[in-house]
PDB file of N, CA and C in Angstrom:
ATOM      1  N   MET A   1      85.602  97.819 101.254  1.00  0.00           N
ATOM      2  CA  MET A   1      86.022  97.288  99.978  1.00  0.00           C
ATOM      3  C   MET A   1      85.297  98.014  98.865  1.00  0.00           C
ATOM      4  N   HIS A   2      85.962  98.183  97.765  1.00  0.00           N
ATOM      5  CA  HIS A   2      85.430  98.909  96.622  1.00  0.00           C
ATOM      6  C   HIS A   2      84.546  97.996  95.784  1.00  0.00           C
ATOM      7  N   THR A   3      83.403  98.524  95.318  1.00  0.00           N
ATOM      8  CA  THR A   3      82.567  97.773  94.393  1.00  0.00           C
ATOM      9  C   THR A   3      82.574  98.472  93.054  1.00  0.00           C
ATOM     10  N   LEU A   4      82.425  97.702  92.009  1.00  0.00           N
ATOM     11  CA  LEU A   4      82.455  98.267  90.664  1.00  0.00           C
ATOM     12  C   LEU A   4      81.087  98.800  90.276  1.00  0.00           C
ATOM     13  N   ASP A   5      81.040 100.032  89.763  1.00  0.00           N
ATOM     14  CA  ASP A   5      79.804 100.554  89.209  1.00  0.00           C
ATOM     15  C   ASP A   5      79.871 100.363  87.692  1.00  0.00           C
ATOM     16  N   ALA A   6      78.922 100.905  86.938  1.00  0.00           N
ATOM     17  CA  ALA A   6      78.867 100.693  85.490  1.00  0.00           C
ATOM     18  C   ALA A   6      80.124 101.187  84.783  1.00  0.00           C
ATOM     19  N   ASP A   7      80.612 102.391  85.134  1.00  0.00           N
ATOM     20  CA  ASP A   7      81.827 102.914  84.507  1.00  0.00           C
ATOM     21  C   ASP A   7      83.025 102.038  84.830  1.00  0.00           C
ATOM     22  N   ASP A   8      83.130 101.615  86.079  1.00  0.00           N
ATOM     23  CA  ASP A   8      84.238 100.753  86.487  1.00  0.00           C
ATOM     24  C   ASP A   8      84.183  99.424  85.749  1.00  0.00           C
ATOM     25  N   SER A   9      82.985  98.912  85.550  1.00  0.00           N
ATOM     26  CA  SER A   9      82.829  97.631  84.872  1.00  0.00           C
ATOM     27  C   SER A   9      83.353  97.715  83.440  1.00  0.00           C
ATOM     28  N   ALA A  10      83.054  98.804  82.750  1.00  0.00           N
ATOM     29  CA  ALA A  10      83.552  98.990  81.383  1.00  0.00           C
ATOM     30  C   ALA A  10      85.069  99.105  81.388  1.00  0.00           C
ATOM     31  N   ARG A  11      85.624  99.847  82.344  1.00  0.00           N
ATOM     32  CA  ARG A  11      87.086  99.968  82.459  1.00  0.00           C
ATOM     33  C   ARG A  11      87.716  98.609  82.737  1.00  0.00           C
ATOM     34  N   GLU A  12      87.083  97.853  83.603  1.00  0.00           N
ATOM     35  CA  GLU A  12      87.597  96.531  83.966  1.00  0.00           C
ATOM     36  C   GLU A  12      87.650  95.623  82.734  1.00  0.00           C
ATOM     37  N   LYS A  13      86.621  95.674  81.903  1.00  0.00           N
ATOM     38  CA  LYS A  13      86.619  94.852  80.687  1.00  0.00           C
ATOM     39  C   LYS A  13      87.744  95.260  79.752  1.00  0.00           C
ATOM     40  N   ARG A  14      87.967  96.574  79.595  1.00  0.00           N
ATOM     41  CA  ARG A  14      89.063  97.040  78.734  1.00  0.00           C
ATOM     42  C   ARG A  14      90.407  96.636  79.317  1.00  0.00           C
ATOM     43  N   ARG A  15      90.555  96.754  80.632  1.00  0.00           N
ATOM     44  CA  ARG A  15      91.811  96.416  81.280  1.00  0.00           C
ATOM     45  C   ARG A  15      92.121  94.932  81.124  1.00  0.00           C
ATOM     46  N   LYS A  16      91.113  94.092  81.181  1.00  0.00           N
ATOM     47  CA  LYS A  16      91.347  92.657  81.040  1.00  0.00           C
ATOM     48  C   LYS A  16      91.962  92.338  79.685  1.00  0.00           C
ATOM     49  N   ASN A  17      91.638  93.139  78.682  1.00  0.00           N
ATOM     50  CA  ASN A  17      92.211  92.908  77.361  1.00  0.00           C
ATOM     51  C   ASN A  17      93.709  93.170  77.352  1.00  0.00           C
ATOM     52  N   THR A  18      94.175  94.117  78.157  1.00  0.00           N
ATOM     53  CA  THR A  18      95.596  94.461  78.168  1.00  0.00           C
ATOM     54  C   THR A  18      96.314  93.890  79.379  1.00  0.00           C
ATOM     55  N   GLY A  19      95.576  93.601  80.430  1.00  0.00           N
ATOM     56  CA  GLY A  19      96.186  93.107  81.650  1.00  0.00           C
ATOM     57  C   GLY A  19      96.839  94.193  82.480  1.00  0.00           C
ATOM     58  N   LYS A  20      96.658  95.456  82.093  1.00  0.00           N
ATOM     59  CA  LYS A  20      97.296  96.567  82.797  1.00  0.00           C
ATOM     60  C   LYS A  20      96.298  97.275  83.706  1.00  0.00           C
ATOM     61  N   ILE A  21      96.794  97.750  84.830  1.00  0.00           N
ATOM     62  CA  ILE A  21      95.990  98.539  85.759  1.00  0.00           C
ATOM     63  C   ILE A  21      96.383  99.998  85.576  1.00  0.00           C
ATOM     64  N   THR A  22      95.408 100.895  85.559  1.00  0.00           N
ATOM     65  CA  THR A  22      95.691 102.308  85.330  1.00  0.00           C
ATOM     66  C   THR A  22      95.940 103.044  86.641  1.00  0.00           C
ATOM     67  N   LEU A  23      96.599 104.200  86.521  1.00  0.00           N
ATOM     68  CA  LEU A  23      96.802 105.058  87.692  1.00  0.00           C
ATOM     69  C   LEU A  23      95.455 105.463  88.284  1.00  0.00           C
ATOM     70  N   ALA A  24      94.491 105.734  87.419  1.00  0.00           N
ATOM     71  CA  ALA A  24      93.164 106.144  87.889  1.00  0.00           C
ATOM     72  C   ALA A  24      92.507 105.041  88.717  1.00  0.00           C
ATOM     73  N   GLU A  25      92.672 103.788  88.313  1.00  0.00           N
ATOM     74  CA  GLU A  25      92.097 102.678  89.076  1.00  0.00           C
ATOM     75  C   GLU A  25      92.761 102.560  90.449  1.00  0.00           C
ATOM     76  N   VAL A  26      94.076 102.683  90.481  1.00  0.00           N
ATOM     77  CA  VAL A  26      94.801 102.627  91.754  1.00  0.00           C
ATOM     78  C   VAL A  26      94.347 103.770  92.653  1.00  0.00           C
ATOM     79  N   ALA A  27      94.285 104.980  92.085  1.00  0.00           N
ATOM     80  CA  ALA A  27      93.892 106.156  92.865  1.00  0.00           C
ATOM     81  C   ALA A  27      92.505 105.982  93.474  1.00  0.00           C
ATOM     82  N   LYS A  28      91.577 105.481  92.688  1.00  0.00           N
ATOM     83  CA  LYS A  28      90.212 105.310  93.177  1.00  0.00           C
ATOM     84  C   LYS A  28      90.158 104.280  94.308  1.00  0.00           C
ATOM     85  N   LEU A  29      90.874 103.185  94.152  1.00  0.00           N
ATOM     86  CA  LEU A  29      90.873 102.143  95.181  1.00  0.00           C
ATOM     87  C   LEU A  29      91.516 102.604  96.482  1.00  0.00           C
ATOM     88  N   VAL A  30      92.559 103.434  96.371  1.00  0.00           N
ATOM     89  CA  VAL A  30      93.286 103.898  97.553  1.00  0.00           C
ATOM     90  C   VAL A  30      92.643 105.145  98.152  1.00  0.00           C
ATOM     91  N   GLY A  31      91.884 105.890  97.337  1.00  0.00           N
ATOM     92  CA  GLY A  31      91.221 107.093  97.830  1.00  0.00           C
ATOM     93  C   GLY A  31      92.070 108.339  97.741  1.00  0.00           C
ATOM     94  N   VAL A  32      92.932 108.401  96.718  1.00  0.00           N
ATOM     95  CA  VAL A  32      93.764 109.579  96.484  1.00  0.00           C
ATOM     96  C   VAL A  32      93.604 110.000  95.029  1.00  0.00           C
ATOM     97  N   SER A  33      94.236 111.114  94.669  1.00  0.00           N
ATOM     98  CA  SER A  33      94.155 111.575  93.289  1.00  0.00           C
ATOM     99  C   SER A  33      95.107 110.784  92.399  1.00  0.00           C
ATOM    100  N   THR A  34      94.838 110.825  91.107  1.00  0.00           N
ATOM    101  CA  THR A  34      95.718 110.187  90.130  1.00  0.00           C
ATOM    102  C   THR A  34      97.114 110.792  90.210  1.00  0.00           C
ATOM    103  N   MET A  35      97.198 112.096  90.425  1.00  0.00           N
ATOM    104  CA  MET A  35      98.498 112.765  90.532  1.00  0.00           C
ATOM    105  C   MET A  35      99.287 112.243  91.734  1.00  0.00           C
ATOM    106  N   THR A  36      98.608 111.975  92.840  1.00  0.00           N
ATOM    107  CA  THR A  36      99.299 111.441  94.018  1.00  0.00           C
ATOM    108  C   THR A  36      99.891 110.068  93.722  1.00  0.00           C
ATOM    109  N   VAL A  37      99.164 109.237  93.013  1.00  0.00           N
ATOM    110  CA  VAL A  37      99.687 107.918  92.631  1.00  0.00           C
ATOM    111  C   VAL A  37     100.904 108.087  91.737  1.00  0.00           C
ATOM    112  N   SER A  38     100.807 108.991  90.775  1.00  0.00           N
ATOM    113  CA  SER A  38     101.934 109.247  89.879  1.00  0.00           C
ATOM    114  C   SER A  38     103.163 109.711  90.656  1.00  0.00           C
ATOM    115  N   ARG A  39     102.951 110.648  91.568  1.00  0.00           N
ATOM    116  CA  ARG A  39     104.071 111.144  92.382  1.00  0.00           C
ATOM    117  C   ARG A  39     104.659 110.041  93.256  1.00  0.00           C
ATOM    118  N   ALA A  40     103.813 109.210  93.817  1.00  0.00           N
ATOM    119  CA  ALA A  40     104.294 108.129  94.684  1.00  0.00           C
ATOM    120  C   ALA A  40     105.210 107.184  93.916  1.00  0.00           C
ATOM    121  N   LEU A  41     104.932 106.996  92.647  1.00  0.00           N
ATOM    122  CA  LEU A  41     105.760 106.117  91.824  1.00  0.00           C
ATOM    123  C   LEU A  41     107.021 106.806  91.315  1.00  0.00           C
ATOM    124  N   ARG A  42     106.893 108.081  90.954  1.00  0.00           N
ATOM    125  CA  ARG A  42     108.011 108.780  90.323  1.00  0.00           C
ATOM    126  C   ARG A  42     108.867 109.594  91.278  1.00  0.00           C
ATOM    127  N   MET A  43     108.243 110.169  92.307  1.00  0.00           N
ATOM    128  CA  MET A  43     108.951 111.024  93.270  1.00  0.00           C
ATOM    129  C   MET A  43     108.419 110.751  94.673  1.00  0.00           C
ATOM    130  N   PRO A  44     108.655 109.567  95.217  1.00  0.00           N
ATOM    131  CA  PRO A  44     108.046 109.206  96.505  1.00  0.00           C
ATOM    132  C   PRO A  44     108.385 110.158  97.647  1.00  0.00           C
ATOM    133  N   GLU A  45     109.521 110.830  97.559  1.00  0.00           N
ATOM    134  CA  GLU A  45     109.900 111.773  98.619  1.00  0.00           C
ATOM    135  C   GLU A  45     108.956 112.971  98.684  1.00  0.00           C
ATOM    136  N   LYS A  46     108.168 113.206  97.648  1.00  0.00           N
ATOM    137  CA  LYS A  46     107.230 114.332  97.613  1.00  0.00           C
ATOM    138  C   LYS A  46     105.840 113.947  98.127  1.00  0.00           C
ATOM    139  N   VAL A  47     105.670 112.695  98.530  1.00  0.00           N
ATOM    140  CA  VAL A  47     104.367 112.204  98.983  1.00  0.00           C
ATOM    141  C   VAL A  47     104.434 111.938 100.485  1.00  0.00           C
ATOM    142  N   ASN A  48     103.374 112.287 101.184  1.00  0.00           N
ATOM    143  CA  ASN A  48     103.277 112.064 102.623  1.00  0.00           C
ATOM    144  C   ASN A  48     103.659 110.613 102.943  1.00  0.00           C
ATOM    145  N   PRO A  49     104.573 110.402 103.883  1.00  0.00           N
ATOM    146  CA  PRO A  49     105.006 109.039 104.225  1.00  0.00           C
ATOM    147  C   PRO A  49     103.855 108.097 104.593  1.00  0.00           C
ATOM    148  N   GLU A  50     102.797 108.626 105.192  1.00  0.00           N
ATOM    149  CA  GLU A  50     101.647 107.782 105.535  1.00  0.00           C
ATOM    150  C   GLU A  50     100.972 107.219 104.292  1.00  0.00           C
ATOM    151  N   LEU A  51     100.989 107.971 103.200  1.00  0.00           N
ATOM    152  CA  LEU A  51     100.389 107.495 101.957  1.00  0.00           C
ATOM    153  C   LEU A  51     101.284 106.490 101.246  1.00  0.00           C
ATOM    154  N   ARG A  52     102.566 106.559 101.496  1.00  0.00           N
ATOM    155  CA  ARG A  52     103.506 105.638 100.841  1.00  0.00           C
ATOM    156  C   ARG A  52     103.547 104.275 101.511  1.00  0.00           C
ATOM    157  N   THR A  53     103.029 104.177 102.719  1.00  0.00           N
ATOM    158  CA  THR A  53     103.060 102.922 103.454  1.00  0.00           C
ATOM    159  C   THR A  53     102.103 101.926 102.811  1.00  0.00           C
ATOM    160  N   PRO A  54     102.591 100.738 102.474  1.00  0.00           N
ATOM    161  CA  PRO A  54     101.704  99.732 101.871  1.00  0.00           C
ATOM    162  C   PRO A  54     100.585  99.334 102.833  1.00  0.00           C
ATOM    163  N   TYR A  55      99.482  98.932 102.282  1.00  0.00           N
ATOM    164  CA  TYR A  55      98.333  98.483 103.080  1.00  0.00           C
ATOM    165  C   TYR A  55      98.608  97.129 103.652  1.00  0.00           C
TER     166      TYR A  55
END
């Protein structure tokens, strides 16, 4: 499980104000690049099927 460090804590506080989760946060939690998350959402056929499988 992921734990929040100081930078994450500041991001979390900003996110709570908007209620939105960023691509960078998703990427960090899943262990992939921000670009991979973007591709998975916009062009899933370009992403390895193993990465597209929900946890």
